[in-house]
Amino acid sequence: MRKSIFFLFLFISASAIGQEIDTNKSIFSNSSEYRNYQEVYLSNIGHAKFHLTSPFQLNNQDFNSLFPTKSNTGTYTDVFYVLGSGRENYVDVEHHQQLGENFFGEAKILKTNSEGIYVNQQAQLSDFRVKLNYNPADRKYNFGANFTNYKRFNILNGGTADSSFFALLDSNNGNLKSTFPTNFNAFPKDVSNFLDMKVMHIDFSHSFKLRNNKNDSTSYFQLSQKLSYDRTIKKIGLRNTSDFFQDYFYDSITTNDSLKLEQLSHRFSLDYVTDNVILSAGIGQNYYEYASRAPFETHLENLLFAQFSFNKNGLLLNSYGEFMISENGYESFEFKNNARYYNPSRTIFQRFEANANIFTDLPELYLNRFQSNHFQWNTINKRNSITQFNISATNEIKHYGASILFENQSDAVVFDSNSTPIQTNISMLGFSLHKEFWFTKWLYLTTHVHVQDIISGKAIEVPNFLTYNKLHFRGKLIKKVLTFDAGINVLYYTNFTPRNYNAAIDEFYIQTNQEVGNHPIIDLFAEFYIKKNFSFFTTMTHVNSNVLTSVLGKNYLAISNYPIQDRAFKFGFKWRLFD
């Protein structure tokens, strides 16, 4: 595989000779965030992470959030590579091609490999995507097609993959998520602990405009249709072994399982389109099939939906409403609204954004019904009512902003001290501030402050105060061709009682015996940008690991018993090649 990536890289590099430099804003300016300060990783790529500002999120592996990227339109190729002393490799090649006047294509391949820091933690990831889009302004017909093939393999302590990959969502909003329960069975002893998962997604959407020519009218009706197919195959192998952490939940006998989920979805709508407004109304259906060692099951849903979008004079509004009925008589609804406003002439704030959502959600079948050699439950079946509200304001000239967040869930699902799912009410209120200070021509300080609190009937906590600060030098060198940004990151949050991690089910559960926090986590970094199409970086994460052990213990803890990833060195580059 390494040879294949090497030859692919040579081919792309050769095709870029003599290409022009992009005149748009640098694609690297906002894409080099190597740490999300709201999250603490229990190790490196491939393992669980704990979210410091959300009491609702279950374990969720999102690899791309480690290295977010931004893309422009046109024909170009992005090559992104990261090498880490935590024995991880990250290769991402993405190509955008203009195939015709109104025909665009995209292709992406992502490969990661990590041996991990702890025992039984090796993980491998492969993600291949192809996208086609045909959207002429002067023709009646347009279409879009997407294909994704995702593969994941890891040994047991490598963390399981993102739950969104194998939790088939009910309609578009996550009602009645349909992860099927895992049931273990015996298998040969020479098989290692592992999780092997393959996911395929295909969708095709098209629309037909009910008019003769664009010049006939500034508004028109169109018919839209979307078809999609999802398939997930997951295999789990588990056997008792002495080299795994002895103090964690672990099935007592050798086990094996396989799982297959399939989904077919169809949506049809009538759209009214003007220069500033899109109004849609339609119907849809979702059909699911579950195949495991338990009896084969099917599920059918019918839904009505409507959507409204408005975009004019810097104001963007989006509203979406849906009502769904399943074959078992379950009913759900959702009403979600987003507003954004941008006015560069304003002095205090130029950008505003707000979200207001109210919807219902039924827990996944995995949470409702589960049986293995070690765990068994059948208790979670209440519909969860969720209310969300947040608003933010930003000054992009002076680089400061503020936001406020409120969320309430009537029957949120959490895992209790016995690693069994329960439902409880959770309310959260959070407030954030951020500001960039400019001391000299070269020296800057960027600071984020987050204050939050939770009301709940269970022992669920997040740190009440969290701050992330970056003291850095920024400027240009070598005749202003080389831009650099180098400095120190410091993350600090107050002590709190986190949830513990159960590696056997890849979930966080409530514990009340150990607090974490109240210590800094320090990173050193240096980033370099050459013109507008090449960047490289080096970073030393958690440089204060194992410092002051007599006061703070052997290592800083992300959660009880699990230390935050210790000191690690990373190097990487990103190169954009143009036609």
Protein backbone atom coordinates (compact mmCIF):
# COMPACT_ATOMS: atom_id res chain seq x y z
CA MET A 1 0.00 0.00 0.00
CA ARG A 2 2.91 2.36 0.76
CA LYS A 3 4.27 1.79 -2.76
CA SER A 4 0.85 2.57 -4.25
CA ILE A 5 0.61 5.84 -2.33
CA PHE A 6 4.19 6.74 -3.35
CA PHE A 7 3.53 6.23 -7.09
CA LEU A 8 0.21 8.08 -6.81
CA PHE A 9 2.05 10.99 -5.22
CA LEU A 10 4.68 10.99 -8.00
CA PHE A 11 1.95 11.01 -10.65
CA ILE A 12 0.14 13.94 -9.07
CA SER A 13 3.38 15.87 -8.58
CA ALA A 14 4.37 15.38 -12.23
CA SER A 15 1.01 16.61 -13.44
CA ALA A 16 1.44 19.82 -11.41
CA ILE A 17 4.60 21.07 -13.16
CA GLY A 18 4.09 24.54 -14.60
CA GLN A 19 0.82 25.12 -12.81
CA GLU A 20 -0.28 28.55 -11.69
CA ILE A 21 -0.45 29.62 -8.06
CA ASP A 22 -3.90 30.09 -6.58
CA THR A 23 -4.76 33.75 -5.99
CA ASN A 24 -7.46 32.97 -3.45
CA LYS A 25 -6.97 33.11 0.32
CA SER A 26 -4.49 30.57 1.64
CA ILE A 27 -6.18 27.21 2.25
CA PHE A 28 -3.94 26.63 5.26
CA SER A 29 -4.74 29.71 7.33
CA ASN A 30 -7.53 28.05 9.29
CA SER A 31 -6.78 24.39 8.73
CA SER A 32 -3.81 23.74 11.01
CA GLU A 33 -5.64 23.19 14.28
CA TYR A 34 -3.98 20.02 15.54
CA ARG A 35 -5.90 19.98 18.81
CA ASN A 36 -9.57 20.64 19.46
CA TYR A 37 -9.43 22.27 22.89
CA GLN A 38 -12.92 20.98 23.69
CA GLU A 39 -11.74 17.37 23.47
CA VAL A 40 -9.19 15.24 25.31
CA TYR A 41 -7.91 12.13 23.52
CA LEU A 42 -7.21 9.07 25.63
CA SER A 43 -4.38 8.18 23.26
CA ASN A 44 -3.74 8.93 19.59
CA ILE A 45 -5.57 8.30 16.31
CA GLY A 46 -7.87 5.34 16.69
CA HIS A 47 -8.90 5.61 20.32
CA ALA A 48 -11.69 7.20 22.35
CA LYS A 49 -11.95 10.91 23.13
CA PHE A 50 -13.74 12.72 25.90
CA HIS A 51 -15.64 15.93 25.13
CA LEU A 52 -15.09 18.56 27.82
CA THR A 53 -18.02 20.83 26.94
CA SER A 54 -20.81 18.37 26.14
CA PRO A 55 -22.61 16.13 28.65
CA PHE A 56 -24.68 14.54 25.86
CA GLN A 57 -22.11 13.12 23.43
CA LEU A 58 -21.39 9.42 23.68
CA ASN A 59 -18.06 8.06 22.48
CA ASN A 60 -17.64 9.39 18.95
CA GLN A 61 -14.56 8.80 16.81
CA ASP A 62 -14.19 11.61 14.30
CA PHE A 63 -10.78 11.25 12.70
CA ASN A 64 -11.11 14.14 10.28
CA SER A 65 -11.62 16.58 13.15
CA LEU A 66 -7.96 16.01 14.08
CA PHE A 67 -6.86 17.66 10.85
CA PRO A 68 -9.70 19.79 9.42
CA THR A 69 -9.29 21.05 5.87
CA LYS A 70 -10.96 23.59 3.62
CA SER A 71 -11.37 23.39 -0.14
CA ASN A 72 -11.87 25.89 -2.96
CA THR A 73 -13.62 25.28 -6.26
CA GLY A 74 -11.85 24.57 -9.55
CA THR A 75 -9.34 21.93 -10.63
CA TYR A 76 -6.65 21.08 -8.07
CA THR A 77 -5.22 18.29 -5.92
CA ASP A 78 -4.55 18.40 -2.18
CA VAL A 79 -1.92 16.12 -0.65
CA PHE A 80 -1.84 15.99 3.16
CA TYR A 81 0.58 13.81 5.16
CA VAL A 82 1.24 13.57 8.90
CA LEU A 83 3.81 11.43 10.73
CA GLY A 84 3.68 11.11 14.52
CA SER A 85 6.00 9.68 17.16
CA GLY A 86 2.90 7.98 18.56
CA ARG A 87 3.50 5.63 15.60
CA GLU A 88 0.70 7.04 13.50
CA ASN A 89 0.66 7.81 9.76
CA TYR A 90 -2.01 9.92 8.07
CA VAL A 91 -2.24 10.22 4.25
CA ASP A 92 -5.04 12.19 2.59
CA VAL A 93 -5.18 12.83 -1.19
CA GLU A 94 -8.13 14.77 -2.58
CA HIS A 95 -8.63 15.77 -6.23
CA HIS A 96 -11.16 18.23 -7.70
CA GLN A 97 -11.64 18.23 -11.48
CA GLN A 98 -13.73 20.36 -13.81
CA LEU A 99 -14.90 17.75 -16.33
CA GLY A 100 -16.95 20.12 -18.46
CA GLU A 101 -18.54 23.55 -18.48
CA ASN A 102 -21.05 22.58 -15.79
CA PHE A 103 -19.71 19.17 -14.80
CA PHE A 104 -17.46 18.69 -11.76
CA GLY A 105 -15.90 15.62 -10.16
CA GLU A 106 -14.14 14.89 -6.87
CA ALA A 107 -12.13 11.91 -5.62
CA LYS A 108 -10.63 11.33 -2.20
CA ILE A 109 -8.54 8.61 -0.56
CA LEU A 110 -7.64 8.63 3.13
CA LYS A 111 -5.37 6.08 4.83
CA THR A 112 -4.34 6.05 8.47
CA ASN A 113 -2.33 3.58 10.52
CA SER A 114 -1.51 3.77 14.21
CA GLU A 115 0.18 1.26 16.50
CA GLY A 116 -1.07 3.25 19.47
CA ILE A 117 0.46 4.00 22.84
CA TYR A 118 -1.31 1.46 25.06
CA VAL A 119 -1.62 -2.33 24.78
CA ASN A 120 -3.92 -3.74 22.06
CA GLN A 121 -4.46 -0.35 20.43
CA GLN A 122 -3.41 -0.71 16.78
CA ALA A 123 -5.93 0.77 14.33
CA GLN A 124 -6.17 1.16 10.55
CA LEU A 125 -8.58 3.29 8.56
CA SER A 126 -9.34 3.55 4.82
CA ASP A 127 -11.83 5.96 3.25
CA PHE A 128 -12.44 6.23 -0.53
CA ARG A 129 -14.96 8.69 -2.01
CA VAL A 130 -16.07 9.74 -5.51
CA LYS A 131 -18.48 12.59 -6.25
CA LEU A 132 -20.00 13.88 -9.52
CA ASN A 133 -22.07 17.04 -9.93
CA TYR A 134 -23.81 18.43 -13.03
CA ASN A 135 -25.67 21.71 -12.46
CA PRO A 136 -26.05 24.00 -15.51
CA ALA A 137 -27.90 27.28 -14.93
CA ASP A 138 -29.48 27.33 -18.40
CA ARG A 139 -30.75 23.72 -18.52
CA LYS A 140 -33.75 22.02 -16.99
CA TYR A 141 -32.01 18.92 -15.67
CA ASN A 142 -29.21 18.55 -13.09
CA PHE A 143 -27.91 15.70 -10.95
CA GLY A 144 -25.41 14.70 -8.29
CA ALA A 145 -23.97 11.29 -7.36
CA ASN A 146 -21.82 10.14 -4.42
CA PHE A 147 -20.02 6.89 -3.61
CA THR A 148 -18.20 6.16 -0.34
CA ASN A 149 -16.37 3.01 0.72
CA TYR A 150 -15.13 3.06 4.32
CA LYS A 151 -13.07 0.33 6.01
CA ARG A 152 -11.89 0.06 9.58
CA PHE A 153 -9.86 -2.58 11.40
CA ASN A 154 -8.49 -2.39 14.91
CA ILE A 155 -7.65 -4.61 17.82
CA LEU A 156 -9.87 -4.30 20.85
CA ASN A 157 -8.31 -1.36 22.70
CA GLY A 158 -7.96 0.61 19.46
CA GLY A 159 -11.41 2.08 19.93
CA THR A 160 -14.44 1.30 17.78
CA ALA A 161 -15.35 3.44 14.83
CA ASP A 162 -17.63 6.48 14.68
CA SER A 163 -21.11 5.44 15.77
CA SER A 164 -22.60 7.53 12.95
CA PHE A 165 -21.18 5.01 10.46
CA PHE A 166 -23.15 2.06 11.80
CA ALA A 167 -26.15 3.73 13.46
CA LEU A 168 -28.56 4.03 10.55
CA LEU A 169 -30.46 7.23 11.12
CA ASP A 170 -34.22 7.33 11.07
CA SER A 171 -35.04 9.81 8.26
CA ASN A 172 -32.80 12.86 8.36
CA ASN A 173 -32.87 13.72 12.03
CA GLY A 174 -31.78 10.66 13.94
CA ASN A 175 -35.14 9.49 15.26
CA LEU A 176 -35.18 5.78 16.03
CA LYS A 177 -31.52 5.16 15.29
CA SER A 178 -31.28 1.52 14.39
CA THR A 179 -27.97 0.05 15.54
CA PHE A 180 -28.63 -3.65 16.02
CA PRO A 181 -27.47 -5.28 19.29
CA THR A 182 -24.35 -7.41 19.44
CA ASN A 183 -24.68 -11.05 20.57
CA PHE A 184 -21.42 -12.89 21.23
CA ASN A 185 -20.66 -16.55 20.44
CA ALA A 186 -17.60 -18.75 20.87
CA PHE A 187 -14.86 -18.98 18.20
CA PRO A 188 -11.32 -20.45 17.86
CA LYS A 189 -8.73 -19.31 20.40
CA ASP A 190 -6.09 -18.40 17.81
CA VAL A 191 -8.13 -15.36 16.66
CA SER A 192 -7.02 -12.03 18.16
CA ASN A 193 -9.22 -9.34 19.67
CA PHE A 194 -10.45 -7.19 16.81
CA LEU A 195 -13.16 -5.10 15.23
CA ASP A 196 -13.50 -5.24 11.43
CA MET A 197 -16.03 -2.95 9.77
CA LYS A 198 -16.93 -2.06 6.18
CA VAL A 199 -19.37 0.68 5.20
CA MET A 200 -20.66 1.54 1.71
CA HIS A 201 -22.83 4.52 0.85
CA ILE A 202 -24.34 5.40 -2.55
CA ASP A 203 -26.73 8.23 -3.29
CA PHE A 204 -28.13 9.83 -6.43
CA SER A 205 -30.14 13.06 -6.49
CA HIS A 206 -31.57 14.93 -9.47
CA SER A 207 -34.10 17.66 -10.25
CA PHE A 208 -36.10 18.84 -13.24
CA LYS A 209 -37.00 22.52 -13.65
CA LEU A 210 -40.57 23.19 -14.80
CA ARG A 211 -39.75 26.05 -17.16
CA ASN A 212 -38.35 26.56 -20.64
CA ASN A 213 -35.48 28.98 -20.10
CA LYS A 214 -33.86 30.82 -17.24
CA ASN A 215 -34.61 34.17 -18.87
CA ASP A 216 -38.35 33.50 -18.91
CA SER A 217 -38.72 34.20 -15.22
CA THR A 218 -36.71 34.92 -12.08
CA SER A 219 -38.62 32.15 -10.28
CA TYR A 220 -39.58 28.59 -11.17
CA PHE A 221 -40.80 25.25 -9.81
CA GLN A 222 -38.76 22.06 -9.93
CA LEU A 223 -39.24 18.40 -9.06
CA SER A 224 -36.48 16.83 -6.95
CA GLN A 225 -35.74 13.23 -6.08
CA LYS A 226 -33.06 11.52 -3.98
CA LEU A 227 -32.27 7.81 -3.69
CA SER A 228 -29.70 6.38 -1.29
CA TYR A 229 -28.38 3.00 -0.19
CA ASP A 230 -26.28 2.23 2.89
CA ARG A 231 -24.69 -1.06 3.92
CA THR A 232 -22.67 -1.78 7.06
CA ILE A 233 -20.91 -5.08 7.82
CA LYS A 234 -19.27 -5.37 11.22
CA LYS A 235 -17.37 -8.28 12.78
CA ILE A 236 -16.19 -8.45 16.39
CA GLY A 237 -13.72 -10.95 17.85
CA LEU A 238 -12.92 -11.11 21.53
CA ARG A 239 -10.98 -13.60 23.67
CA ASN A 240 -9.70 -13.44 27.22
CA THR A 241 -6.02 -12.51 27.42
CA SER A 242 -3.62 -11.42 30.13
CA ASP A 243 -2.09 -8.51 28.21
CA PHE A 244 -5.24 -6.40 28.28
CA PHE A 245 -5.99 -4.01 31.15
CA GLN A 246 -7.15 -6.27 33.98
CA ASP A 247 -9.32 -3.66 35.70
CA TYR A 248 -11.67 -3.05 32.77
CA PHE A 249 -14.90 -4.81 31.83
CA TYR A 250 -14.11 -7.80 29.67
CA ASP A 251 -16.14 -10.76 28.45
CA SER A 252 -15.14 -13.84 30.42
CA ILE A 253 -15.04 -16.27 27.47
CA THR A 254 -13.95 -16.22 23.86
CA THR A 255 -16.62 -14.67 21.64
CA ASN A 256 -17.36 -13.72 18.06
CA ASP A 257 -20.12 -11.83 16.27
CA SER A 258 -21.13 -10.43 12.90
CA LEU A 259 -23.60 -7.73 11.99
CA LYS A 260 -25.12 -6.49 8.74
CA LEU A 261 -27.32 -3.41 8.36
CA GLU A 262 -28.88 -2.17 5.11
CA GLN A 263 -30.95 0.91 4.42
CA LEU A 264 -32.85 2.17 1.37
CA SER A 265 -34.15 5.74 1.42
CA HIS A 266 -36.23 7.69 -1.05
CA ARG A 267 -37.31 11.34 -1.05
CA PHE A 268 -39.46 13.27 -3.51
CA SER A 269 -40.25 17.00 -3.28
CA LEU A 270 -41.66 19.98 -5.14
CA ASP A 271 -39.41 23.03 -4.90
CA TYR A 272 -40.16 26.69 -5.53
CA VAL A 273 -36.95 28.56 -6.42
CA THR A 274 -36.29 32.29 -6.78
CA ASP A 275 -33.12 34.34 -6.67
CA ASN A 276 -33.34 34.57 -2.87
CA VAL A 277 -35.84 31.94 -1.71
CA ILE A 278 -36.15 28.16 -1.89
CA LEU A 279 -39.31 26.55 -0.57
CA SER A 280 -39.68 22.75 -0.63
CA ALA A 281 -42.28 20.22 0.48
CA GLY A 282 -42.22 16.48 0.00
CA ILE A 283 -42.56 12.91 1.17
CA GLY A 284 -40.06 10.17 1.94
CA GLN A 285 -39.62 6.58 2.97
CA ASN A 286 -36.88 4.64 4.78
CA TYR A 287 -36.58 0.86 4.67
CA TYR A 288 -34.19 -1.03 6.98
CA GLU A 289 -33.02 -4.62 7.21
CA TYR A 290 -31.06 -5.98 10.17
CA ALA A 291 -29.18 -9.29 9.94
CA SER A 292 -27.22 -10.67 12.87
CA ARG A 293 -27.24 -13.85 14.95
CA ALA A 294 -30.59 -12.70 16.28
CA PRO A 295 -33.72 -13.12 14.09
CA PHE A 296 -33.84 -11.13 10.84
CA GLU A 297 -35.83 -7.88 11.19
CA THR A 298 -37.20 -5.21 8.87
CA HIS A 299 -38.48 -1.72 9.54
CA LEU A 300 -40.39 0.84 7.40
CA GLU A 301 -40.93 4.58 7.97
CA ASN A 302 -42.98 7.24 6.18
CA LEU A 303 -42.39 10.94 6.56
CA LEU A 304 -43.55 14.39 5.44
CA PHE A 305 -41.08 17.28 5.34
CA ALA A 306 -40.82 20.94 4.36
CA GLN A 307 -37.87 23.29 4.06
CA PHE A 308 -37.46 27.06 3.68
CA SER A 309 -34.28 28.96 2.73
CA PHE A 310 -33.73 32.71 2.32
CA ASN A 311 -30.49 34.43 1.29
CA LYS A 312 -30.29 38.18 0.63
CA ASN A 313 -28.20 41.16 1.74
CA GLY A 314 -25.98 39.12 4.03
CA LEU A 315 -28.90 37.36 5.75
CA LEU A 316 -29.23 33.58 5.43
CA LEU A 317 -32.21 31.74 6.95
CA ASN A 318 -32.87 27.99 6.93
CA SER A 319 -35.85 26.19 8.45
CA TYR A 320 -36.64 22.49 8.29
CA GLY A 321 -39.69 20.64 9.58
CA GLU A 322 -40.53 16.94 9.54
CA PHE A 323 -43.18 14.56 10.80
CA MET A 324 -42.55 10.81 10.72
CA ILE A 325 -44.68 7.70 11.37
CA SER A 326 -43.16 4.22 11.55
CA GLU A 327 -44.90 0.92 10.92
CA ASN A 328 -44.97 0.29 14.68
CA GLY A 329 -46.99 3.43 15.31
CA TYR A 330 -44.09 5.54 16.61
CA GLU A 331 -44.43 9.23 15.78
CA SER A 332 -41.73 11.89 15.86
CA PHE A 333 -41.23 15.44 14.72
CA GLU A 334 -38.50 18.01 14.37
CA PHE A 335 -38.32 21.74 13.75
CA LYS A 336 -34.83 23.15 13.18
CA ASN A 337 -33.88 26.75 12.38
CA ASN A 338 -30.59 28.43 11.55
CA ALA A 339 -29.93 32.13 10.89
CA ARG A 340 -26.70 33.83 9.82
CA TYR A 341 -26.09 37.52 9.18
CA TYR A 342 -22.95 39.23 7.90
CA ASN A 343 -22.43 42.98 7.53
CA PRO A 344 -18.77 44.11 7.14
CA SER A 345 -19.72 47.78 7.72
CA ARG A 346 -20.77 47.20 11.34
CA THR A 347 -18.29 48.27 14.01
CA ILE A 348 -18.92 46.06 17.07
CA PHE A 349 -19.85 42.72 15.43
CA GLN A 350 -19.86 41.87 11.71
CA ARG A 351 -21.08 38.26 11.89
CA PHE A 352 -24.01 36.75 13.80
CA GLU A 353 -25.30 33.19 13.91
CA ALA A 354 -28.18 31.56 15.82
CA ASN A 355 -29.79 28.12 16.01
CA ALA A 356 -33.12 27.15 17.55
CA ASN A 357 -34.18 23.49 17.42
CA ILE A 358 -36.88 21.38 18.99
CA PHE A 359 -37.26 17.71 18.09
CA THR A 360 -37.82 14.20 19.45
CA ASP A 361 -35.51 11.21 19.35
CA LEU A 362 -35.95 7.51 20.15
CA PRO A 363 -32.80 5.71 21.40
CA GLU A 364 -30.96 3.23 19.20
CA LEU A 365 -31.94 -0.43 19.35
CA TYR A 366 -28.45 -1.04 20.71
CA LEU A 367 -29.40 0.99 23.79
CA ASN A 368 -32.88 -0.53 24.01
CA ARG A 369 -31.96 -4.21 23.72
CA PHE A 370 -28.53 -5.79 24.21
CA GLN A 371 -27.19 -9.16 25.35
CA SER A 372 -23.65 -10.52 25.54
CA ASN A 373 -21.68 -12.77 27.88
CA HIS A 374 -20.96 -9.88 30.22
CA PHE A 375 -23.69 -7.27 29.66
CA GLN A 376 -27.43 -7.46 29.24
CA TRP A 377 -30.12 -4.77 29.25
CA ASN A 378 -33.62 -4.09 27.97
CA THR A 379 -34.66 -0.85 29.62
CA ILE A 380 -34.23 2.12 27.28
CA ASN A 381 -37.37 2.92 25.29
CA LYS A 382 -38.58 6.44 26.20
CA ARG A 383 -38.76 9.10 23.54
CA ASN A 384 -36.33 11.94 24.22
CA SER A 385 -37.53 15.54 23.77
CA ILE A 386 -34.67 17.89 22.91
CA THR A 387 -34.50 21.70 22.93
CA GLN A 388 -31.41 23.51 21.65
CA PHE A 389 -30.59 27.21 21.42
CA ASN A 390 -27.34 29.02 20.72
CA ILE A 391 -26.26 32.41 19.41
CA SER A 392 -22.81 33.79 18.55
CA ALA A 393 -21.42 37.17 17.48
CA THR A 394 -17.98 37.81 15.98
CA ASN A 395 -15.85 40.83 15.11
CA GLU A 396 -13.64 39.64 12.24
CA ILE A 397 -11.64 42.86 12.09
CA LYS A 398 -10.55 43.06 15.74
CA HIS A 399 -10.75 39.30 16.26
CA TYR A 400 -13.08 38.85 19.19
CA GLY A 401 -16.44 37.19 19.74
CA ALA A 402 -18.92 35.72 22.19
CA SER A 403 -21.47 32.89 22.20
CA ILE A 404 -24.11 31.41 24.50
CA LEU A 405 -25.50 27.86 24.43
CA PHE A 406 -28.49 26.20 26.08
CA GLU A 407 -29.64 22.60 25.67
CA ASN A 408 -32.18 20.45 27.49
CA GLN A 409 -32.95 16.76 27.00
CA SER A 410 -35.87 15.19 28.85
CA ASP A 411 -34.65 11.57 28.59
CA ALA A 412 -31.01 11.64 27.55
CA VAL A 413 -29.26 8.28 27.49
CA VAL A 414 -26.22 7.81 29.73
CA PHE A 415 -24.45 4.72 31.10
CA ASP A 416 -24.65 4.30 34.88
CA SER A 417 -21.92 3.03 37.22
CA ASN A 418 -22.65 -0.56 36.13
CA SER A 419 -22.18 0.34 32.42
CA THR A 420 -25.92 -0.08 31.85
CA PRO A 421 -27.83 2.57 29.84
CA ILE A 422 -30.38 4.68 31.70
CA GLN A 423 -32.39 7.80 30.80
CA THR A 424 -32.35 11.06 32.74
CA ASN A 425 -32.99 14.78 32.32
CA ILE A 426 -29.98 16.97 31.53
CA SER A 427 -29.91 20.77 31.15
CA MET A 428 -26.79 22.69 30.20
CA LEU A 429 -25.93 26.39 29.93
CA GLY A 430 -22.62 27.58 28.52
CA PHE A 431 -21.01 30.94 27.71
CA SER A 432 -17.84 31.53 25.63
CA LEU A 433 -15.55 34.46 24.85
CA HIS A 434 -12.57 34.66 22.51
CA LYS A 435 -10.15 37.49 21.67
CA GLU A 436 -6.87 37.97 19.82
CA PHE A 437 -4.45 40.47 21.38
CA TRP A 438 -1.71 42.09 19.31
CA PHE A 439 1.27 43.12 21.45
CA THR A 440 3.89 43.93 18.82
CA LYS A 441 4.34 43.51 15.06
CA TRP A 442 5.20 39.84 15.62
CA LEU A 443 3.73 38.79 19.00
CA TYR A 444 0.07 37.73 19.48
CA LEU A 445 -2.07 36.13 22.18
CA THR A 446 -5.25 34.27 21.24
CA THR A 447 -7.43 33.31 24.18
CA HIS A 448 -10.69 31.35 24.57
CA VAL A 449 -12.71 31.23 27.79
CA HIS A 450 -15.65 28.88 28.34
CA VAL A 451 -17.93 28.83 31.43
CA GLN A 452 -20.62 26.17 31.78
CA ASP A 453 -22.86 24.36 34.26
CA ILE A 454 -25.17 21.32 34.26
CA ILE A 455 -28.37 20.42 36.06
CA SER A 456 -29.17 16.71 36.11
CA GLY A 457 -30.63 14.02 38.35
CA LYS A 458 -27.44 11.94 37.87
CA ALA A 459 -23.76 12.50 38.67
CA ILE A 460 -22.91 14.00 35.28
CA GLU A 461 -20.27 16.72 35.21
CA VAL A 462 -18.16 18.79 32.84
CA PRO A 463 -15.51 21.32 33.93
CA ASN A 464 -17.17 24.60 34.96
CA PHE A 465 -14.29 26.67 33.57
CA LEU A 466 -12.12 25.94 30.54
CA THR A 467 -9.58 28.19 28.86
CA TYR A 468 -7.40 27.70 25.79
CA ASN A 469 -4.60 30.19 25.09
CA LYS A 470 -2.10 30.50 22.26
CA LEU A 471 0.94 32.78 22.63
CA HIS A 472 2.56 32.91 19.21
CA PHE A 473 4.80 34.80 16.80
CA ARG A 474 3.39 35.45 13.35
CA GLY A 475 4.89 37.15 10.33
CA LYS A 476 6.75 36.81 7.01
CA LEU A 477 10.35 35.89 6.18
CA ILE A 478 12.60 35.51 3.12
CA LYS A 479 11.35 38.49 1.14
CA LYS A 480 7.80 37.94 2.50
CA VAL A 481 7.49 34.64 0.65
CA LEU A 482 7.52 32.42 3.76
CA THR A 483 4.76 33.02 6.31
CA PHE A 484 5.21 31.49 9.76
CA ASP A 485 3.19 31.03 12.92
CA ALA A 486 4.95 29.52 15.95
CA GLY A 487 4.38 29.47 19.66
CA ILE A 488 2.84 27.68 22.61
CA ASN A 489 -0.67 26.37 23.32
CA VAL A 490 -1.95 26.02 26.88
CA LEU A 491 -5.17 24.20 27.76
CA TYR A 492 -6.52 24.40 31.33
CA TYR A 493 -9.81 23.28 32.87
CA THR A 494 -11.00 23.07 36.46
CA ASN A 495 -11.28 19.76 38.24
CA PHE A 496 -14.45 17.71 37.81
CA THR A 497 -15.70 14.12 38.06
CA PRO A 498 -15.68 12.70 34.51
CA ARG A 499 -17.31 9.58 33.24
CA ASN A 500 -15.10 6.50 33.08
CA TYR A 501 -14.31 4.56 29.90
CA ASN A 502 -15.41 0.95 29.29
CA ALA A 503 -13.25 -0.41 26.46
CA ALA A 504 -15.36 -3.57 26.08
CA ILE A 505 -18.44 -1.61 24.89
CA ASP A 506 -16.63 1.61 23.83
CA GLU A 507 -18.78 3.84 26.02
CA PHE A 508 -18.27 6.30 28.87
CA TYR A 509 -20.11 5.53 32.11
CA ILE A 510 -20.80 7.43 35.34
CA GLN A 511 -18.30 7.22 38.21
CA THR A 512 -17.98 9.31 41.39
CA ASN A 513 -14.66 8.18 42.88
CA GLN A 514 -12.02 10.19 41.03
CA GLU A 515 -11.65 13.80 39.87
CA VAL A 516 -9.43 15.02 37.04
CA GLY A 517 -8.34 18.42 35.75
CA ASN A 518 -6.88 21.50 37.44
CA HIS A 519 -3.59 21.29 35.55
CA PRO A 520 -2.26 22.72 32.26
CA ILE A 521 -1.70 20.79 29.03
CA ILE A 522 1.03 22.49 26.98
CA ASP A 523 1.87 22.11 23.27
CA LEU A 524 4.65 23.68 21.21
CA PHE A 525 4.07 24.26 17.49
CA ALA A 526 5.57 25.85 14.38
CA GLU A 527 3.71 26.27 11.08
CA PHE A 528 5.11 27.52 7.78
CA TYR A 529 3.29 28.61 4.60
CA ILE A 530 5.03 29.08 1.26
CA LYS A 531 3.06 31.31 -1.09
CA LYS A 532 -0.51 29.99 -1.10
CA ASN A 533 -0.18 26.33 -1.94
CA PHE A 534 2.32 24.64 0.39
CA SER A 535 2.48 24.32 4.16
CA PHE A 536 4.37 22.22 6.67
CA PHE A 537 4.29 22.03 10.44
CA THR A 538 5.94 20.49 13.48
CA THR A 539 4.38 20.18 16.91
CA MET A 540 5.26 18.70 20.29
CA THR A 541 2.05 17.84 22.12
CA HIS A 542 1.70 17.66 25.90
CA VAL A 543 5.32 18.68 26.56
CA ASN A 544 4.64 18.83 30.32
CA SER A 545 3.65 15.15 30.49
CA ASN A 546 5.04 13.44 33.62
CA VAL A 547 6.16 16.79 35.08
CA LEU A 548 5.68 17.36 38.84
CA THR A 549 4.65 13.76 39.33
CA SER A 550 4.84 14.09 43.13
CA VAL A 551 2.03 16.64 42.99
CA LEU A 552 -0.01 15.62 39.98
CA GLY A 553 0.61 11.86 39.83
CA LYS A 554 2.35 9.74 37.24
CA ASN A 555 0.54 11.45 34.38
CA TYR A 556 -2.34 13.80 33.79
CA LEU A 557 -5.63 11.94 33.55
CA ALA A 558 -8.24 12.52 30.85
CA ILE A 559 -10.67 10.38 32.81
CA SER A 560 -10.16 8.06 35.79
CA ASN A 561 -7.46 5.43 35.12
CA TYR A 562 -6.76 6.72 31.58
CA PRO A 563 -3.94 9.27 31.15
CA ILE A 564 -4.09 11.93 28.48
CA GLN A 565 -1.85 11.10 25.53
CA ASP A 566 1.72 11.64 26.71
CA ARG A 567 4.43 13.68 25.02
CA ALA A 568 4.42 13.15 21.24
CA PHE A 569 6.09 14.73 18.21
CA LYS A 570 4.24 15.26 14.92
CA PHE A 571 5.38 16.45 11.51
CA GLY A 572 3.23 17.01 8.44
CA PHE A 573 2.72 18.95 5.24
CA LYS A 574 -0.09 19.91 2.91
CA TRP A 575 0.44 20.67 -0.78
CA ARG A 576 -2.12 22.02 -3.21
CA LEU A 577 -1.36 21.31 -6.88
CA PHE A 578 -3.12 23.25 -9.64
CA ASP A 579 -3.79 22.66 -13.33
